[in-house]
Amino acid sequence: MADVYRWRLAPDGLATRRQLRALGLRPGGQDVAAEVHRPRRRKPPLVAYLYRIEHAKPVRPMTPGRAAALAAAMLARRTCPNCRTDAGYCIPRSLGMCVPCHDTPARCEGNRSVLP
């Protein structure tokens, strides 16, 4: 069982995944060393897992193939399915299309792909 600490009371030498990433590190397969619980009213506490900094490994370098795959995935998230243009931002999943297409449907009526 991992140690449990209250919010902001974890000892030095432990870090969350985000804190490790900011240091250029990754957990590297180690088990969770401790947990931090942040209490909330009428809800279960928020839990953050902590890892030992001394056992963390450096982040793997970005390869050209991984960079190309990431760029393609981000382009797909920015492309509006209605007007097929790069919106310049990630399309909100709640809208399912770029903001101009959502706000003015007549603007993209002719450019719309096949929809049910």
PDB file of N, CA and C in Angstrom:
ATOM      1  N   MET A   1       0.846  -1.188   0.000  1.00  0.00           N
ATOM      2  CA  MET A   1       0.000   0.000   0.000  1.00  0.00           C
ATOM      3  C   MET A   1       0.882   1.238   0.000  1.00  0.00           C
ATOM      4  N   ALA A   2       0.594   2.161  -0.888  1.00  0.00           N
ATOM      5  CA  ALA A   2       1.361   3.395  -0.988  1.00  0.00           C
ATOM      6  C   ALA A   2       1.005   4.324   0.177  1.00  0.00           C
ATOM      7  N   ASP A   3       1.956   5.160   0.562  1.00  0.00           N
ATOM      8  CA  ASP A   3       1.705   6.146   1.606  1.00  0.00           C
ATOM      9  C   ASP A   3       0.689   7.158   1.102  1.00  0.00           C
ATOM     10  N   VAL A   4      -0.092   7.700   2.013  1.00  0.00           N
ATOM     11  CA  VAL A   4      -1.102   8.694   1.660  1.00  0.00           C
ATOM     12  C   VAL A   4      -0.795   9.973   2.424  1.00  0.00           C
ATOM     13  N   TYR A   5      -0.750  11.088   1.676  1.00  0.00           N
ATOM     14  CA  TYR A   5      -0.484  12.396   2.275  1.00  0.00           C
ATOM     15  C   TYR A   5      -1.639  13.317   1.961  1.00  0.00           C
ATOM     16  N   ARG A   6      -1.839  14.307   2.820  1.00  0.00           N
ATOM     17  CA  ARG A   6      -2.848  15.319   2.538  1.00  0.00           C
ATOM     18  C   ARG A   6      -2.286  16.337   1.550  1.00  0.00           C
ATOM     19  N   TRP A   7      -3.169  17.109   0.959  1.00  0.00           N
ATOM     20  CA  TRP A   7      -2.820  18.093  -0.051  1.00  0.00           C
ATOM     21  C   TRP A   7      -1.724  19.022   0.448  1.00  0.00           C
ATOM     22  N   ARG A   8      -0.683  19.190  -0.354  1.00  0.00           N
ATOM     23  CA  ARG A   8       0.474  20.063  -0.110  1.00  0.00           C
ATOM     24  C   ARG A   8       1.366  19.606   1.044  1.00  0.00           C
ATOM     25  N   LEU A   9       1.196  18.379   1.521  1.00  0.00           N
ATOM     26  CA  LEU A   9       2.012  17.909   2.639  1.00  0.00           C
ATOM     27  C   LEU A   9       2.905  16.724   2.272  1.00  0.00           C
ATOM     28  N   ALA A  10       3.104  16.481   0.989  1.00  0.00           N
ATOM     29  CA  ALA A  10       3.966  15.386   0.562  1.00  0.00           C
ATOM     30  C   ALA A  10       5.431  15.771   0.788  1.00  0.00           C
ATOM     31  N   PRO A  11       6.290  14.819   1.140  1.00  0.00           N
ATOM     32  CA  PRO A  11       7.697  15.135   1.375  1.00  0.00           C
ATOM     33  C   PRO A  11       8.442  15.404   0.062  1.00  0.00           C
ATOM     34  N   ASP A  12       9.613  16.005   0.187  1.00  0.00           N
ATOM     35  CA  ASP A  12      10.464  16.247  -0.980  1.00  0.00           C
ATOM     36  C   ASP A  12      10.929  14.913  -1.548  1.00  0.00           C
ATOM     37  N   GLY A  13      11.268  14.908  -2.822  1.00  0.00           N
ATOM     38  CA  GLY A  13      11.734  13.688  -3.462  1.00  0.00           C
ATOM     39  C   GLY A  13      10.648  12.922  -4.170  1.00  0.00           C
ATOM     40  N   LEU A  14       9.388  13.391  -4.062  1.00  0.00           N
ATOM     41  CA  LEU A  14       8.266  12.776  -4.746  1.00  0.00           C
ATOM     42  C   LEU A  14       7.653  13.794  -5.700  1.00  0.00           C
ATOM     43  N   ALA A  15       7.140  13.318  -6.835  1.00  0.00           N
ATOM     44  CA  ALA A  15       6.561  14.224  -7.817  1.00  0.00           C
ATOM     45  C   ALA A  15       5.467  13.506  -8.598  1.00  0.00           C
ATOM     46  N   THR A  16       4.512  14.278  -9.106  1.00  0.00           N
ATOM     47  CA  THR A  16       3.471  13.742  -9.976  1.00  0.00           C
ATOM     48  C   THR A  16       4.040  13.579 -11.382  1.00  0.00           C
ATOM     49  N   ARG A  17       3.268  12.966 -12.271  1.00  0.00           N
ATOM     50  CA  ARG A  17       3.707  12.812 -13.660  1.00  0.00           C
ATOM     51  C   ARG A  17       3.972  14.166 -14.313  1.00  0.00           C
ATOM     52  N   ARG A  18       3.103  15.128 -14.082  1.00  0.00           N
ATOM     53  CA  ARG A  18       3.295  16.456 -14.672  1.00  0.00           C
ATOM     54  C   ARG A  18       4.547  17.130 -14.127  1.00  0.00           C
ATOM     55  N   GLN A  19       4.785  16.984 -12.852  1.00  0.00           N
ATOM     56  CA  GLN A  19       5.992  17.575 -12.270  1.00  0.00           C
ATOM     57  C   GLN A  19       7.238  16.889 -12.817  1.00  0.00           C
ATOM     58  N   LEU A  20       7.186  15.569 -12.986  1.00  0.00           N
ATOM     59  CA  LEU A  20       8.313  14.859 -13.588  1.00  0.00           C
ATOM     60  C   LEU A  20       8.548  15.343 -15.010  1.00  0.00           C
ATOM     61  N   ARG A  21       7.480  15.507 -15.786  1.00  0.00           N
ATOM     62  CA  ARG A  21       7.612  15.954 -17.173  1.00  0.00           C
ATOM     63  C   ARG A  21       8.231  17.348 -17.234  1.00  0.00           C
ATOM     64  N   ALA A  22       7.874  18.219 -16.304  1.00  0.00           N
ATOM     65  CA  ALA A  22       8.456  19.560 -16.262  1.00  0.00           C
ATOM     66  C   ALA A  22       9.959  19.494 -15.989  1.00  0.00           C
ATOM     67  N   LEU A  23      10.393  18.438 -15.312  1.00  0.00           N
ATOM     68  CA  LEU A  23      11.824  18.238 -15.043  1.00  0.00           C
ATOM     69  C   LEU A  23      12.511  17.462 -16.153  1.00  0.00           C
ATOM     70  N   GLY A  24      11.749  17.078 -17.193  1.00  0.00           N
ATOM     71  CA  GLY A  24      12.319  16.301 -18.289  1.00  0.00           C
ATOM     72  C   GLY A  24      12.464  14.827 -17.953  1.00  0.00           C
ATOM     73  N   LEU A  25      11.605  14.341 -17.054  1.00  0.00           N
ATOM     74  CA  LEU A  25      11.677  12.952 -16.600  1.00  0.00           C
ATOM     75  C   LEU A  25      10.345  12.250 -16.827  1.00  0.00           C
ATOM     76  N   ARG A  26      10.360  10.922 -16.681  1.00  0.00           N
ATOM     77  CA  ARG A  26       9.164  10.087 -16.752  1.00  0.00           C
ATOM     78  C   ARG A  26       9.264   9.042 -15.657  1.00  0.00           C
ATOM     79  N   PRO A  27       8.142   8.447 -15.228  1.00  0.00           N
ATOM     80  CA  PRO A  27       8.215   7.457 -14.154  1.00  0.00           C
ATOM     81  C   PRO A  27       9.106   6.266 -14.484  1.00  0.00           C
ATOM     82  N   GLY A  28       9.144   5.833 -15.729  1.00  0.00           N
ATOM     83  CA  GLY A  28      10.050   4.771 -16.132  1.00  0.00           C
ATOM     84  C   GLY A  28       9.706   3.403 -15.578  1.00  0.00           C
ATOM     85  N   GLY A  29       8.433   3.090 -15.415  1.00  0.00           N
ATOM     86  CA  GLY A  29       8.033   1.765 -14.985  1.00  0.00           C
ATOM     87  C   GLY A  29       8.001   1.542 -13.490  1.00  0.00           C
ATOM     88  N   GLN A  30       8.355   2.527 -12.706  1.00  0.00           N
ATOM     89  CA  GLN A  30       8.331   2.348 -11.250  1.00  0.00           C
ATOM     90  C   GLN A  30       6.900   2.363 -10.733  1.00  0.00           C
ATOM     91  N   ASP A  31       6.692   1.719  -9.604  1.00  0.00           N
ATOM     92  CA  ASP A  31       5.377   1.695  -8.981  1.00  0.00           C
ATOM     93  C   ASP A  31       5.093   3.034  -8.314  1.00  0.00           C
ATOM     94  N   VAL A  32       3.823   3.282  -8.040  1.00  0.00           N
ATOM     95  CA  VAL A  32       3.425   4.497  -7.334  1.00  0.00           C
ATOM     96  C   VAL A  32       4.019   4.451  -5.930  1.00  0.00           C
ATOM     97  N   ALA A  33       4.706   5.529  -5.553  1.00  0.00           N
ATOM     98  CA  ALA A  33       5.347   5.571  -4.244  1.00  0.00           C
ATOM     99  C   ALA A  33       4.408   6.096  -3.167  1.00  0.00           C
ATOM    100  N   ALA A  34       3.506   7.008  -3.541  1.00  0.00           N
ATOM    101  CA  ALA A  34       2.596   7.602  -2.564  1.00  0.00           C
ATOM    102  C   ALA A  34       1.418   8.229  -3.299  1.00  0.00           C
ATOM    103  N   GLU A  35       0.436   8.642  -2.521  1.00  0.00           N
ATOM    104  CA  GLU A  35      -0.727   9.339  -3.052  1.00  0.00           C
ATOM    105  C   GLU A  35      -0.930  10.621  -2.273  1.00  0.00           C
ATOM    106  N   VAL A  36      -1.445  11.645  -2.975  1.00  0.00           N
ATOM    107  CA  VAL A  36      -1.839  12.891  -2.323  1.00  0.00           C
ATOM    108  C   VAL A  36      -3.347  12.996  -2.478  1.00  0.00           C
ATOM    109  N   HIS A  37      -4.041  13.232  -1.381  1.00  0.00           N
ATOM    110  CA  HIS A  37      -5.494  13.371  -1.407  1.00  0.00           C
ATOM    111  C   HIS A  37      -5.857  14.824  -1.148  1.00  0.00           C
ATOM    112  N   ARG A  38      -6.649  15.382  -2.059  1.00  0.00           N
ATOM    113  CA  ARG A  38      -7.149  16.739  -1.885  1.00  0.00           C
ATOM    114  C   ARG A  38      -8.618  16.641  -1.516  1.00  0.00           C
ATOM    115  N   PRO A  39      -8.976  17.001  -0.289  1.00  0.00           N
ATOM    116  CA  PRO A  39     -10.368  16.847   0.140  1.00  0.00           C
ATOM    117  C   PRO A  39     -11.300  17.812  -0.597  1.00  0.00           C
ATOM    118  N   ARG A  40     -12.553  17.337  -0.791  1.00  0.00           N
ATOM    119  CA  ARG A  40     -13.606  18.159  -1.390  1.00  0.00           C
ATOM    120  C   ARG A  40     -14.871  17.977  -0.576  1.00  0.00           C
ATOM    121  N   ARG A  41     -15.730  18.968  -0.606  1.00  0.00           N
ATOM    122  CA  ARG A  41     -16.997  18.873   0.128  1.00  0.00           C
ATOM    123  C   ARG A  41     -17.970  17.957  -0.603  1.00  0.00           C
ATOM    124  N   ARG A  42     -18.541  17.039   0.111  1.00  0.00           N
ATOM    125  CA  ARG A  42     -19.584  16.138  -0.381  1.00  0.00           C
ATOM    126  C   ARG A  42     -19.185  15.330  -1.609  1.00  0.00           C
ATOM    127  N   LYS A  43     -17.910  15.196  -1.859  1.00  0.00           N
ATOM    128  CA  LYS A  43     -17.420  14.385  -2.971  1.00  0.00           C
ATOM    129  C   LYS A  43     -16.198  13.622  -2.488  1.00  0.00           C
ATOM    130  N   PRO A  44     -15.856  12.545  -3.155  1.00  0.00           N
ATOM    131  CA  PRO A  44     -14.630  11.855  -2.768  1.00  0.00           C
ATOM    132  C   PRO A  44     -13.412  12.738  -3.070  1.00  0.00           C
ATOM    133  N   PRO A  45     -12.320  12.530  -2.372  1.00  0.00           N
ATOM    134  CA  PRO A  45     -11.157  13.402  -2.579  1.00  0.00           C
ATOM    135  C   PRO A  45     -10.523  13.180  -3.953  1.00  0.00           C
ATOM    136  N   LEU A  46      -9.877  14.230  -4.450  1.00  0.00           N
ATOM    137  CA  LEU A  46      -9.071  14.106  -5.658  1.00  0.00           C
ATOM    138  C   LEU A  46      -7.777  13.400  -5.283  1.00  0.00           C
ATOM    139  N   VAL A  47      -7.317  12.502  -6.131  1.00  0.00           N
ATOM    140  CA  VAL A  47      -6.132  11.714  -5.827  1.00  0.00           C
ATOM    141  C   VAL A  47      -5.073  11.978  -6.893  1.00  0.00           C
ATOM    142  N   ALA A  48      -3.851  12.229  -6.445  1.00  0.00           N
ATOM    143  CA  ALA A  48      -2.707  12.367  -7.348  1.00  0.00           C
ATOM    144  C   ALA A  48      -1.671  11.335  -6.933  1.00  0.00           C
ATOM    145  N   TYR A  49      -1.116  10.641  -7.924  1.00  0.00           N
ATOM    146  CA  TYR A  49      -0.111   9.623  -7.641  1.00  0.00           C
ATOM    147  C   TYR A  49       1.273  10.237  -7.714  1.00  0.00           C
ATOM    148  N   LEU A  50       2.118   9.859  -6.767  1.00  0.00           N
ATOM    149  CA  LEU A  50       3.473  10.401  -6.679  1.00  0.00           C
ATOM    150  C   LEU A  50       4.502   9.318  -6.976  1.00  0.00           C
ATOM    151  N   TYR A  51       5.576   9.725  -7.636  1.00  0.00           N
ATOM    152  CA  TYR A  51       6.672   8.833  -8.004  1.00  0.00           C
ATOM    153  C   TYR A  51       7.970   9.393  -7.436  1.00  0.00           C
ATOM    154  N   ARG A  52       8.926   8.505  -7.196  1.00  0.00           N
ATOM    155  CA  ARG A  52      10.231   8.928  -6.670  1.00  0.00           C
ATOM    156  C   ARG A  52      11.052   9.558  -7.787  1.00  0.00           C
ATOM    157  N   ILE A  53      11.559  10.745  -7.520  1.00  0.00           N
ATOM    158  CA  ILE A  53      12.337  11.473  -8.529  1.00  0.00           C
ATOM    159  C   ILE A  53      13.643  10.754  -8.814  1.00  0.00           C
ATOM    160  N   GLU A  54      14.276  10.155  -7.793  1.00  0.00           N
ATOM    161  CA  GLU A  54      15.584   9.512  -8.006  1.00  0.00           C
ATOM    162  C   GLU A  54      15.485   8.256  -8.874  1.00  0.00           C
ATOM    163  N   HIS A  55      14.282   7.650  -8.958  1.00  0.00           N
ATOM    164  CA  HIS A  55      14.098   6.455  -9.797  1.00  0.00           C
ATOM    165  C   HIS A  55      13.553   6.790 -11.185  1.00  0.00           C
ATOM    166  N   ALA A  56      13.255   8.066 -11.427  1.00  0.00           N
ATOM    167  CA  ALA A  56      12.690   8.475 -12.719  1.00  0.00           C
ATOM    168  C   ALA A  56      13.766   8.435 -13.794  1.00  0.00           C
ATOM    169  N   LYS A  57      13.306   8.225 -15.029  1.00  0.00           N
ATOM    170  CA  LYS A  57      14.211   8.147 -16.173  1.00  0.00           C
ATOM    171  C   LYS A  57      13.990   9.352 -17.074  1.00  0.00           C
ATOM    172  N   PRO A  58      14.973   9.687 -17.918  1.00  0.00           N
ATOM    173  CA  PRO A  58      14.788  10.820 -18.827  1.00  0.00           C
ATOM    174  C   PRO A  58      13.700  10.532 -19.854  1.00  0.00           C
ATOM    175  N   VAL A  59      13.045  11.587 -20.320  1.00  0.00           N
ATOM    176  CA  VAL A  59      12.018  11.457 -21.349  1.00  0.00           C
ATOM    177  C   VAL A  59      12.682  11.003 -22.639  1.00  0.00           C
ATOM    178  N   ARG A  60      12.014  10.094 -23.341  1.00  0.00           N
ATOM    179  CA  ARG A  60      12.557   9.620 -24.612  1.00  0.00           C
ATOM    180  C   ARG A  60      12.525  10.756 -25.629  1.00  0.00           C
ATOM    181  N   PRO A  61      13.549  10.876 -26.464  1.00  0.00           N
ATOM    182  CA  PRO A  61      13.560  11.970 -27.443  1.00  0.00           C
ATOM    183  C   PRO A  61      12.505  11.754 -28.535  1.00  0.00           C
ATOM    184  N   MET A  62      12.039  12.857 -29.104  1.00  0.00           N
ATOM    185  CA  MET A  62      11.046  12.805 -30.175  1.00  0.00           C
ATOM    186  C   MET A  62      11.741  12.388 -31.468  1.00  0.00           C
ATOM    187  N   THR A  63      11.254  11.329 -32.087  1.00  0.00           N
ATOM    188  CA  THR A  63      11.819  10.854 -33.353  1.00  0.00           C
ATOM    189  C   THR A  63      11.071  11.526 -34.508  1.00  0.00           C
ATOM    190  N   PRO A  64      11.660  11.562 -35.699  1.00  0.00           N
ATOM    191  CA  PRO A  64      10.951  12.166 -36.834  1.00  0.00           C
ATOM    192  C   PRO A  64       9.614  11.488 -37.138  1.00  0.00           C
ATOM    193  N   GLY A  65       9.542  10.174 -36.990  1.00  0.00           N
ATOM    194  CA  GLY A  65       8.278   9.464 -37.233  1.00  0.00           C
ATOM    195  C   GLY A  65       7.209   9.841 -36.243  1.00  0.00           C
ATOM    196  N   ARG A  66       7.584   9.939 -34.958  1.00  0.00           N
ATOM    197  CA  ARG A  66       6.617  10.337 -33.934  1.00  0.00           C
ATOM    198  C   ARG A  66       6.173  11.780 -34.145  1.00  0.00           C
ATOM    199  N   ALA A  67       7.094  12.648 -34.558  1.00  0.00           N
ATOM    200  CA  ALA A  67       6.743  14.047 -34.810  1.00  0.00           C
ATOM    201  C   ALA A  67       5.763  14.147 -35.979  1.00  0.00           C
ATOM    202  N   ALA A  68       5.980  13.355 -37.033  1.00  0.00           N
ATOM    203  CA  ALA A  68       5.070  13.371 -38.185  1.00  0.00           C
ATOM    204  C   ALA A  68       3.694  12.836 -37.800  1.00  0.00           C
ATOM    205  N   ALA A  69       3.646  11.774 -37.000  1.00  0.00           N
ATOM    206  CA  ALA A  69       2.373  11.214 -36.563  1.00  0.00           C
ATOM    207  C   ALA A  69       1.615  12.207 -35.682  1.00  0.00           C
ATOM    208  N   LEU A  70       2.313  12.885 -34.803  1.00  0.00           N
ATOM    209  CA  LEU A  70       1.682  13.878 -33.940  1.00  0.00           C
ATOM    210  C   LEU A  70       1.143  15.041 -34.767  1.00  0.00           C
ATOM    211  N   ALA A  71       1.904  15.500 -35.759  1.00  0.00           N
ATOM    212  CA  ALA A  71       1.445  16.594 -36.621  1.00  0.00           C
ATOM    213  C   ALA A  71       0.194  16.192 -37.398  1.00  0.00           C
ATOM    214  N   ALA A  72       0.146  14.959 -37.903  1.00  0.00           N
ATOM    215  CA  ALA A  72      -1.026  14.486 -38.639  1.00  0.00           C
ATOM    216  C   ALA A  72      -2.244  14.391 -37.728  1.00  0.00           C
ATOM    217  N   ALA A  73      -2.054  13.920 -36.509  1.00  0.00           N
ATOM    218  CA  ALA A  73      -3.170  13.809 -35.569  1.00  0.00           C
ATOM    219  C   ALA A  73      -3.708  15.188 -35.201  1.00  0.00           C
ATOM    220  N   MET A  74      -2.825  16.151 -34.991  1.00  0.00           N
ATOM    221  CA  MET A  74      -3.272  17.494 -34.645  1.00  0.00           C
ATOM    222  C   MET A  74      -3.983  18.159 -35.821  1.00  0.00           C
ATOM    223  N   LEU A  75      -3.518  17.910 -37.052  1.00  0.00           N
ATOM    224  CA  LEU A  75      -4.191  18.453 -38.229  1.00  0.00           C
ATOM    225  C   LEU A  75      -5.611  17.891 -38.334  1.00  0.00           C
ATOM    226  N   ALA A  76      -5.778  16.605 -38.030  1.00  0.00           N
ATOM    227  CA  ALA A  76      -7.107  15.996 -38.061  1.00  0.00           C
ATOM    228  C   ALA A  76      -8.021  16.620 -37.011  1.00  0.00           C
ATOM    229  N   ARG A  77      -7.493  16.979 -35.860  1.00  0.00           N
ATOM    230  CA  ARG A  77      -8.303  17.607 -34.811  1.00  0.00           C
ATOM    231  C   ARG A  77      -8.675  19.040 -35.158  1.00  0.00           C
ATOM    232  N   ARG A  78      -7.879  19.700 -36.005  1.00  0.00           N
ATOM    233  CA  ARG A  78      -8.146  21.089 -36.388  1.00  0.00           C
ATOM    234  C   ARG A  78      -9.006  21.217 -37.641  1.00  0.00           C
ATOM    235  N   THR A  79      -9.199  20.141 -38.409  1.00  0.00           N
ATOM    236  CA  THR A  79      -9.933  20.202 -39.664  1.00  0.00           C
ATOM    237  C   THR A  79     -11.434  20.045 -39.412  1.00  0.00           C
ATOM    238  N   CYS A  80     -12.203  21.022 -39.900  1.00  0.00           N
ATOM    239  CA  CYS A  80     -13.655  21.012 -39.736  1.00  0.00           C
ATOM    240  C   CYS A  80     -14.256  19.979 -40.680  1.00  0.00           C
ATOM    241  N   PRO A  81     -15.130  19.088 -40.189  1.00  0.00           N
ATOM    242  CA  PRO A  81     -15.743  18.094 -41.070  1.00  0.00           C
ATOM    243  C   PRO A  81     -16.762  18.698 -42.040  1.00  0.00           C
ATOM    244  N   ASN A  82     -17.276  19.893 -41.751  1.00  0.00           N
ATOM    245  CA  ASN A  82     -18.251  20.531 -42.641  1.00  0.00           C
ATOM    246  C   ASN A  82     -17.576  21.236 -43.801  1.00  0.00           C
ATOM    247  N   CYS A  83     -16.702  22.195 -43.505  1.00  0.00           N
ATOM    248  CA  CYS A  83     -16.113  23.014 -44.560  1.00  0.00           C
ATOM    249  C   CYS A  83     -14.736  22.524 -44.987  1.00  0.00           C
ATOM    250  N   ARG A  84     -14.212  21.510 -44.310  1.00  0.00           N
ATOM    251  CA  ARG A  84     -12.927  20.887 -44.660  1.00  0.00           C
ATOM    252  C   ARG A  84     -11.755  21.869 -44.663  1.00  0.00           C
ATOM    253  N   THR A  85     -11.802  22.887 -43.794  1.00  0.00           N
ATOM    254  CA  THR A  85     -10.689  23.821 -43.691  1.00  0.00           C
ATOM    255  C   THR A  85     -10.006  23.645 -42.345  1.00  0.00           C
ATOM    256  N   ASP A  86      -8.751  24.071 -42.290  1.00  0.00           N
ATOM    257  CA  ASP A  86      -7.993  24.053 -41.041  1.00  0.00           C
ATOM    258  C   ASP A  86      -8.453  25.255 -40.226  1.00  0.00           C
ATOM    259  N   ALA A  87      -9.115  24.997 -39.102  1.00  0.00           N
ATOM    260  CA  ALA A  87      -9.671  26.065 -38.282  1.00  0.00           C
ATOM    261  C   ALA A  87      -8.590  26.833 -37.528  1.00  0.00           C
ATOM    262  N   GLY A  88      -7.400  26.262 -37.369  1.00  0.00           N
ATOM    263  CA  GLY A  88      -6.345  26.930 -36.617  1.00  0.00           C
ATOM    264  C   GLY A  88      -6.408  26.644 -35.131  1.00  0.00           C
ATOM    265  N   TYR A  89      -7.403  25.879 -34.700  1.00  0.00           N
ATOM    266  CA  TYR A  89      -7.555  25.471 -33.302  1.00  0.00           C
ATOM    267  C   TYR A  89      -8.227  24.106 -33.309  1.00  0.00           C
ATOM    268  N   CYS A  90      -8.166  23.404 -32.207  1.00  0.00           N
ATOM    269  CA  CYS A  90      -8.812  22.095 -32.122  1.00  0.00           C
ATOM    270  C   CYS A  90     -10.326  22.284 -32.109  1.00  0.00           C
ATOM    271  N   ILE A  91     -11.014  21.549 -32.979  1.00  0.00           N
ATOM    272  CA  ILE A  91     -12.464  21.642 -33.089  1.00  0.00           C
ATOM    273  C   ILE A  91     -13.088  21.144 -31.785  1.00  0.00           C
ATOM    274  N   PRO A  92     -13.971  21.927 -31.161  1.00  0.00           N
ATOM    275  CA  PRO A  92     -14.610  21.465 -29.926  1.00  0.00           C
ATOM    276  C   PRO A  92     -15.469  20.226 -30.188  1.00  0.00           C
ATOM    277  N   ARG A  93     -15.292  19.197 -29.383  1.00  0.00           N
ATOM    278  CA  ARG A  93     -16.075  17.978 -29.561  1.00  0.00           C
ATOM    279  C   ARG A  93     -17.542  18.231 -29.272  1.00  0.00           C
ATOM    280  N   SER A  94     -17.839  19.214 -28.432  1.00  0.00           N
ATOM    281  CA  SER A  94     -19.238  19.513 -28.123  1.00  0.00           C
ATOM    282  C   SER A  94     -19.968  20.082 -29.331  1.00  0.00           C
ATOM    283  N   LEU A  95     -19.249  20.777 -30.218  1.00  0.00           N
ATOM    284  CA  LEU A  95     -19.867  21.347 -31.416  1.00  0.00           C
ATOM    285  C   LEU A  95     -19.790  20.392 -32.603  1.00  0.00           C
ATOM    286  N   GLY A  96     -18.676  19.696 -32.746  1.00  0.00           N
ATOM    287  CA  GLY A  96     -18.493  18.783 -33.863  1.00  0.00           C
ATOM    288  C   GLY A  96     -18.127  19.472 -35.163  1.00  0.00           C
ATOM    289  N   MET A  97     -17.921  20.787 -35.122  1.00  0.00           N
ATOM    290  CA  MET A  97     -17.543  21.563 -36.300  1.00  0.00           C
ATOM    291  C   MET A  97     -16.893  22.849 -35.819  1.00  0.00           C
ATOM    292  N   CYS A  98     -16.329  23.605 -36.742  1.00  0.00           N
ATOM    293  CA  CYS A  98     -15.690  24.861 -36.348  1.00  0.00           C
ATOM    294  C   CYS A  98     -16.755  25.851 -35.877  1.00  0.00           C
ATOM    295  N   VAL A  99     -16.339  26.852 -35.149  1.00  0.00           N
ATOM    296  CA  VAL A  99     -17.277  27.813 -34.577  1.00  0.00           C
ATOM    297  C   VAL A  99     -18.040  28.586 -35.662  1.00  0.00           C
ATOM    298  N   PRO A 100     -17.378  29.069 -36.742  1.00  0.00           N
ATOM    299  CA  PRO A 100     -18.159  29.760 -37.780  1.00  0.00           C
ATOM    300  C   PRO A 100     -19.240  28.872 -38.406  1.00  0.00           C
ATOM    301  N   CYS A 101     -18.940  27.594 -38.653  1.00  0.00           N
ATOM    302  CA  CYS A 101     -19.968  26.684 -39.208  1.00  0.00           C
ATOM    303  C   CYS A 101     -21.105  26.488 -38.223  1.00  0.00           C
ATOM    304  N   HIS A 102     -20.793  26.434 -36.946  1.00  0.00           N
ATOM    305  CA  HIS A 102     -21.828  26.246 -35.932  1.00  0.00           C
ATOM    306  C   HIS A 102     -22.688  27.494 -35.795  1.00  0.00           C
ATOM    307  N   ASP A 103     -22.046  28.672 -35.814  1.00  0.00           N
ATOM    308  CA  ASP A 103     -22.784  29.918 -35.613  1.00  0.00           C
ATOM    309  C   ASP A 103     -23.599  30.324 -36.834  1.00  0.00           C
ATOM    310  N   THR A 104     -23.079  30.070 -38.038  1.00  0.00           N
ATOM    311  CA  THR A 104     -23.782  30.446 -39.267  1.00  0.00           C
ATOM    312  C   THR A 104     -23.844  29.236 -40.183  1.00  0.00           C
ATOM    313  N   PRO A 105     -24.813  28.356 -39.994  1.00  0.00           N
ATOM    314  CA  PRO A 105     -24.893  27.132 -40.798  1.00  0.00           C
ATOM    315  C   PRO A 105     -25.058  27.406 -42.283  1.00  0.00           C
ATOM    316  N   ALA A 106     -25.678  28.525 -42.659  1.00  0.00           N
ATOM    317  CA  ALA A 106     -25.883  28.832 -44.069  1.00  0.00           C
ATOM    318  C   ALA A 106     -24.555  29.106 -44.776  1.00  0.00           C
ATOM    319  N   ARG A 107     -23.558  29.571 -44.038  1.00  0.00           N
ATOM    320  CA  ARG A 107     -22.260  29.884 -44.622  1.00  0.00           C
ATOM    321  C   ARG A 107     -21.591  28.647 -45.188  1.00  0.00           C
ATOM    322  N   CYS A 108     -21.766  27.517 -44.533  1.00  0.00           N
ATOM    323  CA  CYS A 108     -21.102  26.279 -44.932  1.00  0.00           C
ATOM    324  C   CYS A 108     -22.063  25.300 -45.584  1.00  0.00           C
ATOM    325  N   GLU A 109     -23.274  25.737 -45.909  1.00  0.00           N
ATOM    326  CA  GLU A 109     -24.286  24.813 -46.445  1.00  0.00           C
ATOM    327  C   GLU A 109     -23.816  24.130 -47.719  1.00  0.00           C
ATOM    328  N   GLY A 110     -23.200  24.879 -48.622  1.00  0.00           N
ATOM    329  CA  GLY A 110     -22.749  24.299 -49.883  1.00  0.00           C
ATOM    330  C   GLY A 110     -21.516  23.446 -49.736  1.00  0.00           C
ATOM    331  N   ASN A 111     -20.709  23.670 -48.706  1.00  0.00           N
ATOM    332  CA  ASN A 111     -19.466  22.946 -48.514  1.00  0.00           C
ATOM    333  C   ASN A 111     -19.630  21.711 -47.645  1.00  0.00           C
ATOM    334  N   ARG A 112     -20.824  21.470 -47.165  1.00  0.00           N
ATOM    335  CA  ARG A 112     -21.055  20.401 -46.193  1.00  0.00           C
ATOM    336  C   ARG A 112     -20.839  19.029 -46.816  1.00  0.00           C
ATOM    337  N   SER A 113     -20.154  18.166 -46.094  1.00  0.00           N
ATOM    338  CA  SER A 113     -19.957  16.791 -46.546  1.00  0.00           C
ATOM    339  C   SER A 113     -21.251  16.008 -46.332  1.00  0.00           C
ATOM    340  N   VAL A 114     -21.258  14.774 -46.748  1.00  0.00           N
ATOM    341  CA  VAL A 114     -22.457  13.952 -46.646  1.00  0.00           C
ATOM    342  C   VAL A 114     -22.768  13.697 -45.175  1.00  0.00           C
ATOM    343  N   LEU A 115     -23.925  14.144 -44.740  1.00  0.00           N
ATOM    344  CA  LEU A 115     -24.355  13.964 -43.357  1.00  0.00           C
ATOM    345  C   LEU A 115     -25.677  13.212 -43.359  1.00  0.00           C
ATOM    346  N   PRO A 116     -25.983  12.466 -42.310  1.00  0.00           N
ATOM    347  CA  PRO A 116     -27.256  11.726 -42.248  1.00  0.00           C
ATOM    348  C   PRO A 116     -28.448  12.653 -42.159  1.00  0.00           C
TER     349      PRO A 116
END
